[in-house]
Structure formats: structure tokens, C-alpha cells
Amino acid sequence: MTESMLTQIEAHETAVEAVKADVSLLERIADQVLASFDSGGRLYILGNGGSAADAQHIAAELVGRFKHDRRALPAIALTTDTSILTAVVNDTGGENCFARQVDALVTDRDVVWALSVSGSSPNVIRAMTRARAIGACTIGFTGRTGDALAELSDYCFRAAHEVSDRVQEIHQLAYHLVCDRIEQSIVRGEIKVAAASG
């Protein structure tokens, strides 16, 4: 039996209310990204499906602008290069499509941010495993069932739901809060963003 629209809105509201308990976590996530930028590192973001769109959304907010004019920030979505993605999937399998890029690009100054509703997608788990081996900071965004991703994340935000649409709605709220804190810190001059290298 399908849920009514009203029931779904109420579920959304309940999940939004739960985000208040994670504000300090989101602040720490933003501060970790800022610290990476300040040391010359980059932010790499990844996910599948709707989470791939979210990865690109986050990168766009940081490279472009969110609410204020300021310098561009080094954020890269690993979901956008179709030649790399299709070559790796074709040659070595879909579970390697992000891990191969992590191996090529990520250093121990960087942050790797994975979004996954289930928290168990093989390509996400493999990429985060590689990021940890390299020594990068790892951030996970998942839902209630995302134990595997949480275990690989230095910081993990878990939406208080398990259904993909509710989880993704909460992820968008949460990453907008993170982007806003990052941007405000840059605009106020609280950190000097170093030129990315390596």
C-alpha cells in the first residue's frame, strides 16, 4: 500500500528535525574540509545515481559560489568524467570506477566525501577503503542502514531514515549547511586557502 503525500511530508519533517542533533558534526565536517583547503588539499566527492548528482551539486557550490562572491575552492566530483568511468567499468569492473580515480588523484592532504543511501555500494566502499589507505580524511553521508560506510568514515552523517528519497532530501539540507559554513569562513577570512598542488 502506497504512502500518502501527507504521510511522506510528515516523514520528511521528522527527519529534518533530527538533523538538529547533528549540527556539531556538520560543523566539524566543514572545519575538516576547510583545514584541507588551508593545507593545499582538495575535496573529492562521489556517489551513485541521485548521490552522484549530489556530489556534483556540492562541487558546484564550492567551485562556483553558494551565497557570496569569493575565491573558487578546489572541489572535484568523481562522477563526471564519462571516459574514465566507462573505461574503468569496461576494463576492470564497476566496483573500481571511483577507487581508480582515488588512486590517481588523492593525497593525504585531501578529503574524500562519499554519499550513499545504503552505505554499502561496492564502488563507494572500495573508494573509501583506498582513501583511508592513502591517509586522506574520509566523510560519509548515508542513512540508517549505512554501517559499512560509517566504519570507513572519519566523520559520518546519517539521515534519520532509510528510504532513498527521504535520505537524499536530508543529505541536501546537511550539505548545504556544510557549504554555507565553509563559505562563511572563507568570506570572513578565517582561513587562507592555499593553492592546491600535488
N, C-alpha and C. Protein backbone atom coordinates (compact mmCIF):
# COMPACT_ATOMS: atom_id res chain seq x y z
N MET A 1 0.84 -1.19 0.00
CA MET A 1 0.00 0.00 0.00
C MET A 1 0.88 1.25 0.00
N THR A 2 0.63 2.16 -0.92
CA THR A 2 1.47 3.34 -1.05
C THR A 2 1.17 4.36 0.05
N GLU A 3 2.23 5.10 0.41
CA GLU A 3 2.06 6.16 1.40
C GLU A 3 1.39 7.37 0.76
N SER A 4 0.59 8.08 1.52
CA SER A 4 0.00 9.31 1.02
C SER A 4 1.08 10.39 0.98
N MET A 5 0.83 11.43 0.20
CA MET A 5 1.76 12.55 0.15
C MET A 5 1.91 13.19 1.53
N LEU A 6 0.81 13.30 2.26
CA LEU A 6 0.88 13.90 3.59
C LEU A 6 1.77 13.08 4.51
N THR A 7 1.66 11.76 4.46
CA THR A 7 2.50 10.90 5.28
C THR A 7 3.97 11.08 4.94
N GLN A 8 4.25 11.22 3.64
CA GLN A 8 5.63 11.41 3.22
C GLN A 8 6.17 12.76 3.69
N ILE A 9 5.35 13.79 3.64
CA ILE A 9 5.78 15.11 4.13
C ILE A 9 6.07 15.03 5.63
N GLU A 10 5.22 14.33 6.36
CA GLU A 10 5.44 14.21 7.79
C GLU A 10 6.72 13.44 8.09
N ALA A 11 7.03 12.42 7.30
CA ALA A 11 8.28 11.68 7.47
C ALA A 11 9.48 12.58 7.19
N HIS A 12 9.35 13.41 6.17
CA HIS A 12 10.40 14.38 5.85
C HIS A 12 10.62 15.34 7.02
N GLU A 13 9.55 15.84 7.58
CA GLU A 13 9.66 16.79 8.69
C GLU A 13 10.33 16.15 9.91
N THR A 14 10.00 14.92 10.17
CA THR A 14 10.61 14.21 11.30
C THR A 14 12.11 14.04 11.08
N ALA A 15 12.49 13.69 9.85
CA ALA A 15 13.91 13.51 9.54
C ALA A 15 14.66 14.84 9.58
N VAL A 16 14.02 15.92 9.14
CA VAL A 16 14.64 17.24 9.22
C VAL A 16 14.87 17.63 10.67
N GLU A 17 13.89 17.41 11.52
CA GLU A 17 14.02 17.75 12.94
C GLU A 17 15.22 17.04 13.56
N ALA A 18 15.48 15.81 13.13
CA ALA A 18 16.58 15.03 13.69
C ALA A 18 17.94 15.61 13.34
N VAL A 19 18.03 16.40 12.28
CA VAL A 19 19.31 16.99 11.87
C VAL A 19 19.85 17.92 12.96
N LYS A 20 18.97 18.51 13.75
CA LYS A 20 19.42 19.44 14.79
C LYS A 20 20.42 18.79 15.74
N ALA A 21 20.26 17.50 15.97
CA ALA A 21 21.17 16.79 16.88
C ALA A 21 22.56 16.61 16.28
N ASP A 22 22.68 16.81 14.97
CA ASP A 22 23.96 16.58 14.28
C ASP A 22 24.64 17.86 13.83
N VAL A 23 24.19 19.00 14.31
CA VAL A 23 24.78 20.27 13.87
C VAL A 23 26.27 20.32 14.20
N SER A 24 26.66 19.88 15.38
CA SER A 24 28.08 19.94 15.73
C SER A 24 28.91 19.03 14.83
N LEU A 25 28.36 17.89 14.43
CA LEU A 25 29.04 17.01 13.49
C LEU A 25 29.21 17.70 12.14
N LEU A 26 28.17 18.34 11.65
CA LEU A 26 28.26 19.05 10.37
C LEU A 26 29.27 20.19 10.45
N GLU A 27 29.34 20.86 11.59
CA GLU A 27 30.35 21.91 11.76
C GLU A 27 31.75 21.32 11.70
N ARG A 28 31.95 20.17 12.32
CA ARG A 28 33.27 19.53 12.29
C ARG A 28 33.63 19.09 10.88
N ILE A 29 32.64 18.62 10.12
CA ILE A 29 32.89 18.23 8.74
C ILE A 29 33.34 19.45 7.93
N ALA A 30 32.62 20.55 8.07
CA ALA A 30 33.01 21.77 7.36
C ALA A 30 34.41 22.21 7.76
N ASP A 31 34.72 22.16 9.05
CA ASP A 31 36.03 22.58 9.51
C ASP A 31 37.13 21.67 8.98
N GLN A 32 36.85 20.39 8.84
CA GLN A 32 37.84 19.47 8.29
C GLN A 32 38.11 19.77 6.82
N VAL A 33 37.07 20.07 6.06
CA VAL A 33 37.26 20.45 4.66
C VAL A 33 38.07 21.74 4.57
N LEU A 34 37.75 22.71 5.42
CA LEU A 34 38.50 23.97 5.45
C LEU A 34 39.97 23.73 5.79
N ALA A 35 40.24 22.86 6.74
CA ALA A 35 41.62 22.56 7.11
C ALA A 35 42.37 21.95 5.94
N SER A 36 41.70 21.10 5.18
CA SER A 36 42.33 20.51 4.00
C SER A 36 42.64 21.58 2.96
N PHE A 37 41.67 22.44 2.70
CA PHE A 37 41.92 23.54 1.76
C PHE A 37 43.08 24.41 2.23
N ASP A 38 43.13 24.66 3.51
CA ASP A 38 44.16 25.53 4.06
C ASP A 38 45.56 24.93 3.91
N SER A 39 45.65 23.62 3.83
CA SER A 39 46.94 22.96 3.69
C SER A 39 47.28 22.60 2.24
N GLY A 40 46.48 23.11 1.31
CA GLY A 40 46.73 22.83 -0.10
C GLY A 40 46.05 21.59 -0.62
N GLY A 41 45.14 21.04 0.16
CA GLY A 41 44.43 19.83 -0.26
C GLY A 41 43.18 20.13 -1.08
N ARG A 42 42.57 19.08 -1.54
CA ARG A 42 41.36 19.16 -2.35
C ARG A 42 40.27 18.30 -1.73
N LEU A 43 39.04 18.58 -2.16
CA LEU A 43 37.88 17.78 -1.77
C LEU A 43 37.43 16.98 -2.98
N TYR A 44 37.34 15.66 -2.82
CA TYR A 44 36.83 14.77 -3.87
C TYR A 44 35.52 14.16 -3.37
N ILE A 45 34.50 14.19 -4.22
CA ILE A 45 33.16 13.78 -3.81
C ILE A 45 32.64 12.71 -4.77
N LEU A 46 31.93 11.72 -4.25
CA LEU A 46 31.47 10.63 -5.10
C LEU A 46 30.16 10.04 -4.59
N GLY A 47 29.47 9.35 -5.47
CA GLY A 47 28.22 8.68 -5.14
C GLY A 47 27.59 8.15 -6.41
N ASN A 48 26.53 7.37 -6.26
CA ASN A 48 25.83 6.75 -7.39
C ASN A 48 24.43 7.34 -7.55
N GLY A 49 23.96 7.43 -8.77
CA GLY A 49 22.58 7.85 -9.01
C GLY A 49 22.30 9.25 -8.49
N GLY A 50 21.27 9.37 -7.63
CA GLY A 50 20.96 10.66 -7.04
C GLY A 50 22.11 11.20 -6.22
N SER A 51 22.89 10.31 -5.61
CA SER A 51 24.04 10.75 -4.84
C SER A 51 25.16 11.26 -5.75
N ALA A 52 25.23 10.76 -6.97
CA ALA A 52 26.16 11.31 -7.95
C ALA A 52 25.78 12.75 -8.27
N ALA A 53 24.49 12.99 -8.42
CA ALA A 53 24.02 14.36 -8.65
C ALA A 53 24.34 15.25 -7.46
N ASP A 54 24.20 14.71 -6.25
CA ASP A 54 24.56 15.46 -5.05
C ASP A 54 26.05 15.78 -5.02
N ALA A 55 26.88 14.82 -5.42
CA ALA A 55 28.33 15.06 -5.46
C ALA A 55 28.64 16.23 -6.38
N GLN A 56 28.02 16.25 -7.55
CA GLN A 56 28.23 17.35 -8.49
C GLN A 56 27.68 18.66 -7.94
N HIS A 57 26.58 18.59 -7.23
CA HIS A 57 25.96 19.77 -6.62
C HIS A 57 26.92 20.40 -5.60
N ILE A 58 27.49 19.57 -4.73
CA ILE A 58 28.43 20.08 -3.73
C ILE A 58 29.63 20.74 -4.41
N ALA A 59 30.21 20.05 -5.41
CA ALA A 59 31.36 20.62 -6.11
C ALA A 59 31.01 21.95 -6.75
N ALA A 60 29.81 22.05 -7.33
CA ALA A 60 29.39 23.30 -7.97
C ALA A 60 29.27 24.43 -6.96
N GLU A 61 28.73 24.13 -5.78
CA GLU A 61 28.58 25.17 -4.76
C GLU A 61 29.94 25.72 -4.33
N LEU A 62 30.96 24.86 -4.29
CA LEU A 62 32.26 25.27 -3.78
C LEU A 62 33.16 25.86 -4.86
N VAL A 63 33.14 25.29 -6.04
CA VAL A 63 33.95 25.84 -7.13
C VAL A 63 33.35 27.17 -7.61
N GLY A 64 32.04 27.21 -7.70
CA GLY A 64 31.36 28.43 -8.12
C GLY A 64 31.16 29.35 -6.93
N ARG A 65 29.93 29.55 -6.57
CA ARG A 65 29.61 30.33 -5.38
C ARG A 65 28.34 29.74 -4.78
N PHE A 66 28.17 29.93 -3.49
CA PHE A 66 26.95 29.48 -2.82
C PHE A 66 26.05 30.69 -2.60
N LYS A 67 26.44 31.57 -1.69
CA LYS A 67 25.67 32.79 -1.45
C LYS A 67 26.50 34.05 -1.61
N HIS A 68 27.83 33.90 -1.63
CA HIS A 68 28.71 35.06 -1.64
C HIS A 68 29.78 34.91 -2.72
N ASP A 69 30.26 36.04 -3.21
CA ASP A 69 31.40 36.05 -4.11
C ASP A 69 32.67 35.82 -3.29
N ARG A 70 33.50 34.90 -3.70
CA ARG A 70 34.78 34.60 -3.03
C ARG A 70 35.59 33.74 -3.99
N ARG A 71 36.80 33.41 -3.60
CA ARG A 71 37.66 32.63 -4.49
C ARG A 71 37.09 31.23 -4.70
N ALA A 72 37.42 30.64 -5.82
CA ALA A 72 37.00 29.28 -6.11
C ALA A 72 37.69 28.31 -5.16
N LEU A 73 36.99 27.26 -4.78
CA LEU A 73 37.53 26.27 -3.87
C LEU A 73 37.72 24.94 -4.60
N PRO A 74 38.79 24.20 -4.28
CA PRO A 74 39.16 23.01 -5.05
C PRO A 74 38.33 21.77 -4.69
N ALA A 75 37.17 21.66 -5.30
CA ALA A 75 36.27 20.53 -5.08
C ALA A 75 36.01 19.84 -6.42
N ILE A 76 36.13 18.52 -6.44
CA ILE A 76 36.02 17.75 -7.69
C ILE A 76 35.06 16.59 -7.47
N ALA A 77 34.05 16.48 -8.31
CA ALA A 77 33.14 15.32 -8.28
C ALA A 77 33.72 14.22 -9.15
N LEU A 78 33.90 13.04 -8.59
CA LEU A 78 34.46 11.91 -9.34
C LEU A 78 33.40 11.19 -10.17
N THR A 79 32.28 11.82 -10.37
CA THR A 79 31.14 11.22 -11.08
C THR A 79 30.97 11.76 -12.49
N THR A 80 31.87 12.64 -12.93
CA THR A 80 31.58 13.44 -14.13
C THR A 80 32.37 13.06 -15.38
N ASP A 81 33.48 12.37 -15.24
CA ASP A 81 34.32 12.07 -16.41
C ASP A 81 33.86 10.74 -17.02
N THR A 82 33.02 10.83 -18.04
CA THR A 82 32.42 9.61 -18.60
C THR A 82 33.46 8.72 -19.27
N SER A 83 34.52 9.28 -19.81
CA SER A 83 35.55 8.45 -20.45
C SER A 83 36.26 7.60 -19.41
N ILE A 84 36.64 8.21 -18.27
CA ILE A 84 37.28 7.43 -17.21
C ILE A 84 36.30 6.41 -16.65
N LEU A 85 35.10 6.85 -16.32
CA LEU A 85 34.14 5.95 -15.70
C LEU A 85 33.84 4.74 -16.58
N THR A 86 33.56 4.98 -17.84
CA THR A 86 33.21 3.86 -18.71
C THR A 86 34.41 2.99 -19.03
N ALA A 87 35.59 3.56 -19.14
CA ALA A 87 36.79 2.75 -19.40
C ALA A 87 37.08 1.83 -18.22
N VAL A 88 37.03 2.38 -17.01
CA VAL A 88 37.33 1.58 -15.83
C VAL A 88 36.27 0.50 -15.64
N VAL A 89 35.00 0.86 -15.80
CA VAL A 89 33.93 -0.14 -15.67
C VAL A 89 34.10 -1.25 -16.70
N ASN A 90 34.41 -0.87 -17.93
CA ASN A 90 34.55 -1.84 -19.00
C ASN A 90 35.76 -2.75 -18.80
N ASP A 91 36.87 -2.15 -18.35
CA ASP A 91 38.13 -2.90 -18.28
C ASP A 91 38.31 -3.67 -16.99
N THR A 92 37.82 -3.12 -15.86
CA THR A 92 38.12 -3.76 -14.58
C THR A 92 36.91 -3.98 -13.69
N GLY A 93 35.73 -3.49 -14.10
CA GLY A 93 34.52 -3.71 -13.32
C GLY A 93 34.03 -2.46 -12.61
N GLY A 94 32.72 -2.40 -12.43
CA GLY A 94 32.09 -1.21 -11.87
C GLY A 94 32.52 -0.88 -10.47
N GLU A 95 32.96 -1.87 -9.69
CA GLU A 95 33.35 -1.60 -8.32
C GLU A 95 34.62 -0.75 -8.23
N ASN A 96 35.32 -0.59 -9.36
CA ASN A 96 36.57 0.17 -9.36
C ASN A 96 36.44 1.59 -9.91
N CYS A 97 35.24 2.01 -10.30
CA CYS A 97 35.13 3.26 -11.05
C CYS A 97 35.55 4.48 -10.24
N PHE A 98 35.36 4.46 -8.93
CA PHE A 98 35.82 5.57 -8.09
C PHE A 98 37.19 5.28 -7.48
N ALA A 99 37.45 4.03 -7.11
CA ALA A 99 38.73 3.68 -6.48
C ALA A 99 39.90 3.99 -7.39
N ARG A 100 39.74 3.75 -8.67
CA ARG A 100 40.82 4.03 -9.61
C ARG A 100 41.14 5.52 -9.64
N GLN A 101 40.12 6.35 -9.59
CA GLN A 101 40.33 7.79 -9.56
C GLN A 101 40.96 8.23 -8.24
N VAL A 102 40.54 7.62 -7.14
CA VAL A 102 41.15 7.91 -5.85
C VAL A 102 42.64 7.59 -5.89
N ASP A 103 43.00 6.43 -6.45
CA ASP A 103 44.40 6.05 -6.56
C ASP A 103 45.20 7.07 -7.38
N ALA A 104 44.58 7.61 -8.41
CA ALA A 104 45.28 8.52 -9.32
C ALA A 104 45.42 9.92 -8.75
N LEU A 105 44.47 10.37 -7.94
CA LEU A 105 44.36 11.79 -7.61
C LEU A 105 44.56 12.14 -6.14
N VAL A 106 44.14 11.28 -5.24
CA VAL A 106 44.03 11.66 -3.82
C VAL A 106 45.36 11.56 -3.10
N THR A 107 45.64 12.53 -2.23
CA THR A 107 46.81 12.52 -1.35
C THR A 107 46.35 12.57 0.10
N ASP A 108 47.32 12.49 1.01
CA ASP A 108 46.96 12.50 2.43
C ASP A 108 46.57 13.88 2.94
N ARG A 109 46.64 14.90 2.08
CA ARG A 109 46.14 16.24 2.46
C ARG A 109 44.67 16.43 2.11
N ASP A 110 44.10 15.48 1.37
CA ASP A 110 42.78 15.65 0.78
C ASP A 110 41.67 15.08 1.65
N VAL A 111 40.45 15.42 1.26
CA VAL A 111 39.24 14.86 1.86
C VAL A 111 38.46 14.13 0.78
N VAL A 112 38.01 12.93 1.07
CA VAL A 112 37.14 12.17 0.17
C VAL A 112 35.78 12.04 0.85
N TRP A 113 34.76 12.53 0.15
CA TRP A 113 33.40 12.62 0.70
C TRP A 113 32.50 11.72 -0.15
N ALA A 114 31.96 10.67 0.46
CA ALA A 114 31.09 9.73 -0.24
C ALA A 114 29.67 9.85 0.25
N LEU A 115 28.73 9.87 -0.70
CA LEU A 115 27.31 9.88 -0.37
C LEU A 115 26.70 8.57 -0.86
N SER A 116 26.00 7.86 0.02
CA SER A 116 25.38 6.59 -0.35
C SER A 116 24.21 6.33 0.58
N VAL A 117 23.02 6.22 0.02
CA VAL A 117 21.82 5.99 0.84
C VAL A 117 21.97 4.69 1.63
N SER A 118 22.39 3.62 0.96
CA SER A 118 22.52 2.32 1.62
C SER A 118 23.79 2.23 2.44
N GLY A 119 24.82 2.96 2.03
CA GLY A 119 26.12 2.87 2.69
C GLY A 119 26.85 1.59 2.40
N SER A 120 26.41 0.84 1.39
CA SER A 120 27.03 -0.45 1.11
C SER A 120 27.36 -0.66 -0.37
N SER A 121 27.27 0.37 -1.18
CA SER A 121 27.57 0.22 -2.61
C SER A 121 29.02 -0.20 -2.79
N PRO A 122 29.29 -1.28 -3.53
CA PRO A 122 30.67 -1.77 -3.63
C PRO A 122 31.66 -0.75 -4.16
N ASN A 123 31.26 0.07 -5.14
CA ASN A 123 32.21 1.04 -5.68
C ASN A 123 32.51 2.15 -4.68
N VAL A 124 31.54 2.52 -3.85
CA VAL A 124 31.76 3.52 -2.81
C VAL A 124 32.65 2.95 -1.72
N ILE A 125 32.37 1.74 -1.28
CA ILE A 125 33.16 1.11 -0.22
C ILE A 125 34.61 0.93 -0.66
N ARG A 126 34.82 0.50 -1.89
CA ARG A 126 36.19 0.32 -2.37
C ARG A 126 36.93 1.65 -2.44
N ALA A 127 36.26 2.68 -2.90
CA ALA A 127 36.91 4.00 -2.98
C ALA A 127 37.29 4.51 -1.61
N MET A 128 36.40 4.34 -0.63
CA MET A 128 36.69 4.83 0.72
C MET A 128 37.80 4.01 1.38
N THR A 129 37.84 2.73 1.08
CA THR A 129 38.93 1.89 1.59
C THR A 129 40.27 2.37 1.05
N ARG A 130 40.32 2.71 -0.23
CA ARG A 130 41.55 3.22 -0.83
C ARG A 130 41.90 4.58 -0.25
N ALA A 131 40.92 5.44 -0.06
CA ALA A 131 41.19 6.77 0.50
C ALA A 131 41.80 6.66 1.89
N ARG A 132 41.29 5.76 2.69
CA ARG A 132 41.84 5.57 4.04
C ARG A 132 43.26 5.05 3.98
N ALA A 133 43.53 4.14 3.05
CA ALA A 133 44.88 3.60 2.91
C ALA A 133 45.87 4.68 2.53
N ILE A 134 45.43 5.65 1.74
CA ILE A 134 46.27 6.76 1.32
C ILE A 134 46.51 7.74 2.47
N GLY A 135 45.58 7.78 3.41
CA GLY A 135 45.69 8.69 4.55
C GLY A 135 44.84 9.93 4.43
N ALA A 136 43.93 9.95 3.45
CA ALA A 136 43.01 11.07 3.30
C ALA A 136 41.96 11.02 4.40
N CYS A 137 41.40 12.19 4.72
CA CYS A 137 40.24 12.24 5.61
C CYS A 137 39.02 11.75 4.85
N THR A 138 38.19 10.95 5.48
CA THR A 138 37.01 10.40 4.82
C THR A 138 35.74 10.87 5.51
N ILE A 139 34.80 11.31 4.69
CA ILE A 139 33.49 11.77 5.16
C ILE A 139 32.42 10.92 4.49
N GLY A 140 31.48 10.42 5.26
CA GLY A 140 30.37 9.65 4.72
C GLY A 140 29.05 10.33 5.00
N PHE A 141 28.18 10.31 4.01
CA PHE A 141 26.77 10.70 4.18
C PHE A 141 25.95 9.48 3.80
N THR A 142 25.14 8.99 4.72
CA THR A 142 24.36 7.79 4.45
C THR A 142 23.04 7.87 5.22
N GLY A 143 22.34 6.73 5.30
CA GLY A 143 21.09 6.64 6.04
C GLY A 143 21.24 5.71 7.22
N ARG A 144 20.13 5.29 7.76
CA ARG A 144 20.16 4.46 8.97
C ARG A 144 20.90 3.15 8.77
N THR A 145 20.87 2.62 7.55
CA THR A 145 21.43 1.29 7.31
C THR A 145 22.89 1.34 6.88
N GLY A 146 23.52 2.50 6.93
CA GLY A 146 24.83 2.67 6.32
C GLY A 146 26.02 2.31 7.18
N ASP A 147 25.99 1.17 7.86
CA ASP A 147 27.08 0.81 8.77
C ASP A 147 28.41 0.65 8.06
N ALA A 148 28.41 0.05 6.88
CA ALA A 148 29.68 -0.20 6.18
C ALA A 148 30.39 1.10 5.83
N LEU A 149 29.64 2.08 5.33
CA LEU A 149 30.24 3.38 5.01
C LEU A 149 30.67 4.10 6.28
N ALA A 150 29.86 4.02 7.32
CA ALA A 150 30.20 4.68 8.59
C ALA A 150 31.53 4.17 9.14
N GLU A 151 31.78 2.87 9.01
CA GLU A 151 33.01 2.29 9.54
C GLU A 151 34.24 2.80 8.81
N LEU A 152 34.09 3.25 7.57
CA LEU A 152 35.21 3.75 6.77
C LEU A 152 35.33 5.26 6.81
N SER A 153 34.48 5.92 7.58
CA SER A 153 34.42 7.38 7.59
C SER A 153 34.98 7.95 8.88
N ASP A 154 35.86 8.94 8.75
CA ASP A 154 36.31 9.67 9.93
C ASP A 154 35.17 10.47 10.53
N TYR A 155 34.29 10.95 9.66
CA TYR A 155 33.09 11.69 10.07
C TYR A 155 31.94 11.14 9.24
N CYS A 156 30.85 10.74 9.89
CA CYS A 156 29.72 10.18 9.15
C CYS A 156 28.41 10.81 9.60
N PHE A 157 27.71 11.42 8.66
CA PHE A 157 26.37 11.94 8.90
C PHE A 157 25.37 10.92 8.40
N ARG A 158 24.43 10.55 9.26
CA ARG A 158 23.42 9.56 8.90
C ARG A 158 22.04 10.17 9.01
N ALA A 159 21.36 10.30 7.88
CA ALA A 159 19.99 10.79 7.88
C ALA A 159 19.11 9.81 8.66
N ALA A 160 18.13 10.36 9.36
CA ALA A 160 17.28 9.55 10.22
C ALA A 160 16.14 8.90 9.41
N HIS A 161 16.53 8.17 8.38
CA HIS A 161 15.57 7.44 7.56
C HIS A 161 16.34 6.41 6.77
N GLU A 162 15.64 5.52 6.07
CA GLU A 162 16.31 4.51 5.27
C GLU A 162 15.82 4.48 3.82
N VAL A 163 14.77 5.23 3.51
CA VAL A 163 14.23 5.27 2.15
C VAL A 163 14.96 6.34 1.35
N SER A 164 15.28 6.04 0.10
CA SER A 164 16.21 6.87 -0.66
C SER A 164 15.76 8.32 -0.80
N ASP A 165 14.47 8.57 -1.08
CA ASP A 165 14.07 9.97 -1.29
C ASP A 165 14.18 10.78 -0.01
N ARG A 166 13.76 10.21 1.13
CA ARG A 166 13.89 10.94 2.39
C ARG A 166 15.37 11.17 2.73
N VAL A 167 16.19 10.14 2.56
CA VAL A 167 17.61 10.27 2.90
C VAL A 167 18.27 11.35 2.04
N GLN A 168 17.98 11.34 0.74
CA GLN A 168 18.61 12.32 -0.15
C GLN A 168 18.14 13.74 0.15
N GLU A 169 16.88 13.88 0.54
CA GLU A 169 16.39 15.21 0.93
C GLU A 169 17.15 15.75 2.15
N ILE A 170 17.40 14.87 3.10
CA ILE A 170 18.12 15.28 4.30
C ILE A 170 19.59 15.53 3.99
N HIS A 171 20.16 14.72 3.12
CA HIS A 171 21.55 14.96 2.70
C HIS A 171 21.69 16.34 2.09
N GLN A 172 20.72 16.74 1.26
CA GLN A 172 20.83 18.05 0.63
C GLN A 172 20.81 19.17 1.68
N LEU A 173 19.92 19.07 2.64
CA LEU A 173 19.90 20.06 3.72
C LEU A 173 21.25 20.08 4.42
N ALA A 174 21.77 18.91 4.76
CA ALA A 174 23.01 18.82 5.54
C ALA A 174 24.20 19.36 4.76
N TYR A 175 24.31 19.01 3.48
CA TYR A 175 25.48 19.50 2.75
C TYR A 175 25.36 20.98 2.41
N HIS A 176 24.15 21.50 2.31
CA HIS A 176 24.01 22.95 2.17
C HIS A 176 24.50 23.67 3.44
N LEU A 177 24.20 23.11 4.60
CA LEU A 177 24.70 23.69 5.84
C LEU A 177 26.22 23.67 5.88
N VAL A 178 26.81 22.56 5.44
CA VAL A 178 28.27 22.45 5.40
C VAL A 178 28.86 23.47 4.43
N CYS A 179 28.29 23.57 3.24
CA CYS A 179 28.79 24.52 2.24
C CYS A 179 28.68 25.95 2.76
N ASP A 180 27.59 26.25 3.46
CA ASP A 180 27.41 27.59 3.99
C ASP A 180 28.48 27.92 5.03
N ARG A 181 28.76 26.97 5.92
CA ARG A 181 29.79 27.22 6.94
C ARG A 181 31.16 27.41 6.28
N ILE A 182 31.47 26.59 5.28
CA ILE A 182 32.75 26.73 4.57
C ILE A 182 32.85 28.11 3.95
N GLU A 183 31.80 28.50 3.24
CA GLU A 183 31.83 29.78 2.55
C GLU A 183 31.92 30.95 3.53
N GLN A 184 31.16 30.89 4.61
CA GLN A 184 31.22 31.98 5.59
C GLN A 184 32.63 32.12 6.16
N SER A 185 33.30 31.00 6.42
CA SER A 185 34.66 31.06 6.95
C SER A 185 35.62 31.69 5.96
N ILE A 186 35.45 31.37 4.67
CA ILE A 186 36.30 31.96 3.64
C ILE A 186 36.04 33.46 3.53
N VAL A 187 34.77 33.83 3.48
CA VAL A 187 34.41 35.25 3.32
C VAL A 187 34.90 36.08 4.50
N ARG A 188 34.84 35.51 5.71
CA ARG A 188 35.31 36.24 6.89
C ARG A 188 36.82 36.24 7.02
N GLY A 189 37.50 35.51 6.14
CA GLY A 189 38.96 35.46 6.18
C GLY A 189 39.52 34.68 7.32
N GLU A 190 38.75 33.71 7.84
CA GLU A 190 39.21 32.92 8.98
C GLU A 190 40.32 31.95 8.62
N ILE A 191 40.38 31.57 7.35
CA ILE A 191 41.49 30.74 6.88
C ILE A 191 41.99 31.30 5.56
N LYS A 192 43.23 31.01 5.28
CA LYS A 192 43.82 31.35 3.98
C LYS A 192 43.87 30.07 3.17
N VAL A 193 43.13 30.00 2.08
CA VAL A 193 43.09 28.79 1.27
C VAL A 193 44.35 28.75 0.43
N ALA A 194 45.16 27.73 0.67
CA ALA A 194 46.40 27.57 -0.07
C ALA A 194 46.11 27.08 -1.48
N ALA A 195 47.02 27.36 -2.39
CA ALA A 195 46.89 26.85 -3.75
C ALA A 195 47.06 25.35 -3.73
N ALA A 196 46.12 24.62 -4.33
CA ALA A 196 46.21 23.16 -4.35
C ALA A 196 47.37 22.73 -5.22
N SER A 197 48.07 21.67 -4.80
CA SER A 197 49.18 21.15 -5.56
C SER A 197 49.26 19.67 -5.37
N GLY A 198 50.10 19.01 -6.15
CA GLY A 198 50.28 17.57 -6.00
C GLY A 198 49.29 16.80 -6.78
